[in-house]
Amino acid sequence: MFPPASAPVYAHPHPPQPVPPPVTAYRPLVPVAPPPAQYYLGRGLFGQPKLYVAEQPVRNFLRYLSF
């Protein structure tokens, strides 16, 4: 049976949306420690991070060229 014509009918403005799953944060497996004092972080030839040693230009250049 249909409701009487005088009964107000309200439409929902938006259909219910599913709730997204919670975002899990990345946690490293090993503790992150800063490099020793004689090392510094730089970029290699293809943009990958590299650790360079102060006052060792030949070693640093070869490390820059390596993968």
C-alpha atoms as a PDB file:
ATOM      1  CA  MET A   1       0.000   0.000   0.000  1.00  0.00           C
ATOM      2  CA  PHE A   2       1.104   3.533  -0.738  1.00  0.00           C
ATOM      3  CA  PRO A   3       1.457   6.201   1.950  1.00  0.00           C
ATOM      4  CA  PRO A   4      -1.164   8.889   1.993  1.00  0.00           C
ATOM      5  CA  ALA A   5      -0.559  11.809  -0.378  1.00  0.00           C
ATOM      6  CA  SER A   6      -0.276  14.280   2.496  1.00  0.00           C
ATOM      7  CA  ALA A   7       2.722  12.490   4.104  1.00  0.00           C
ATOM      8  CA  PRO A   8       6.016  14.343   3.361  1.00  0.00           C
ATOM      9  CA  VAL A   9       8.686  12.317   1.585  1.00  0.00           C
ATOM     10  CA  TYR A  10      12.311  13.285   2.139  1.00  0.00           C
ATOM     11  CA  ALA A  11      15.113  12.141  -0.127  1.00  0.00           C
ATOM     12  CA  HIS A  12      18.605  11.658   1.233  1.00  0.00           C
ATOM     13  CA  PRO A  13      20.943  14.347  -0.179  1.00  0.00           C
ATOM     14  CA  HIS A  14      23.826  11.877  -0.725  1.00  0.00           C
ATOM     15  CA  PRO A  15      24.027   8.100  -0.664  1.00  0.00           C
ATOM     16  CA  PRO A  16      26.061   6.683   2.219  1.00  0.00           C
ATOM     17  CA  GLN A  17      29.787   6.439   1.484  1.00  0.00           C
ATOM     18  CA  PRO A  18      32.035   3.591   2.659  1.00  0.00           C
ATOM     19  CA  VAL A  19      34.607   4.498   5.306  1.00  0.00           C
ATOM     20  CA  PRO A  20      38.198   4.241   3.965  1.00  0.00           C
ATOM     21  CA  PRO A  21      40.616   1.937   5.811  1.00  0.00           C
ATOM     22  CA  PRO A  22      43.006   3.594   8.279  1.00  0.00           C
ATOM     23  CA  VAL A  23      46.402   4.707   6.966  1.00  0.00           C
ATOM     24  CA  THR A  24      49.287   2.741   8.409  1.00  0.00           C
ATOM     25  CA  ALA A  25      52.521   4.612   8.971  1.00  0.00           C
ATOM     26  CA  TYR A  26      55.911   3.287   7.891  1.00  0.00           C
ATOM     27  CA  ARG A  27      58.186   2.281  10.725  1.00  0.00           C
ATOM     28  CA  PRO A  28      61.786   1.248   9.919  1.00  0.00           C
ATOM     29  CA  LEU A  29      62.915  -2.239  10.939  1.00  0.00           C
ATOM     30  CA  VAL A  30      66.239  -0.995  12.301  1.00  0.00           C
ATOM     31  CA  PRO A  31      66.785   2.245  14.207  1.00  0.00           C
ATOM     32  CA  VAL A  32      67.927   5.126  12.033  1.00  0.00           C
ATOM     33  CA  ALA A  33      71.192   6.656  13.216  1.00  0.00           C
ATOM     34  CA  PRO A  34      73.126   9.565  11.704  1.00  0.00           C
ATOM     35  CA  PRO A  35      76.284   8.706   9.711  1.00  0.00           C
ATOM     36  CA  PRO A  36      79.677   9.011  11.432  1.00  0.00           C
ATOM     37  CA  ALA A  37      81.368  12.420  11.426  1.00  0.00           C
ATOM     38  CA  GLN A  38      83.769  11.690   8.531  1.00  0.00           C
ATOM     39  CA  TYR A  39      80.911  10.621   6.197  1.00  0.00           C
ATOM     40  CA  TYR A  40      78.327  12.767   4.455  1.00  0.00           C
ATOM     41  CA  LEU A  41      75.245  11.922   2.438  1.00  0.00           C
ATOM     42  CA  GLY A  42      75.061  12.826  -1.232  1.00  0.00           C
ATOM     43  CA  ARG A  43      73.537  11.702  -4.529  1.00  0.00           C
ATOM     44  CA  GLY A  44      74.997   9.254  -7.028  1.00  0.00           C
ATOM     45  CA  LEU A  45      75.032   9.548 -10.810  1.00  0.00           C
ATOM     46  CA  PHE A  46      71.423   8.326 -11.152  1.00  0.00           C
ATOM     47  CA  GLY A  47      70.053  10.113  -8.081  1.00  0.00           C
ATOM     48  CA  GLN A  48      70.411   7.305  -5.554  1.00  0.00           C
ATOM     49  CA  PRO A  49      71.631   8.243  -2.048  1.00  0.00           C
ATOM     50  CA  LYS A  50      75.321   7.611  -1.371  1.00  0.00           C
ATOM     51  CA  LEU A  51      77.610   7.999   1.638  1.00  0.00           C
ATOM     52  CA  TYR A  52      80.812   9.837   0.791  1.00  0.00           C
ATOM     53  CA  VAL A  53      83.995  10.054   2.885  1.00  0.00           C
ATOM     54  CA  ALA A  54      85.587  13.438   3.571  1.00  0.00           C
ATOM     55  CA  GLU A  55      89.032  14.072   2.014  1.00  0.00           C
ATOM     56  CA  GLN A  56      88.918  10.984  -0.271  1.00  0.00           C
ATOM     57  CA  PRO A  57      88.100  12.379  -3.736  1.00  0.00           C
ATOM     58  CA  VAL A  58      89.102   9.277  -5.784  1.00  0.00           C
ATOM     59  CA  ARG A  59      86.998   6.958  -3.637  1.00  0.00           C
ATOM     60  CA  ASN A  60      84.099   9.417  -3.723  1.00  0.00           C
ATOM     61  CA  PHE A  61      84.289   9.740  -7.523  1.00  0.00           C
ATOM     62  CA  LEU A  62      84.219   5.946  -7.973  1.00  0.00           C
ATOM     63  CA  ARG A  63      81.318   5.723  -5.547  1.00  0.00           C
ATOM     64  CA  TYR A  64      79.515   8.457  -7.513  1.00  0.00           C
ATOM     65  CA  LEU A  65      79.811   6.392 -10.720  1.00  0.00           C
ATOM     66  CA  SER A  66      78.776   3.073  -9.132  1.00  0.00           C
ATOM     67  CA  PHE A  67      75.250   1.784  -8.717  1.00  0.00           C
END
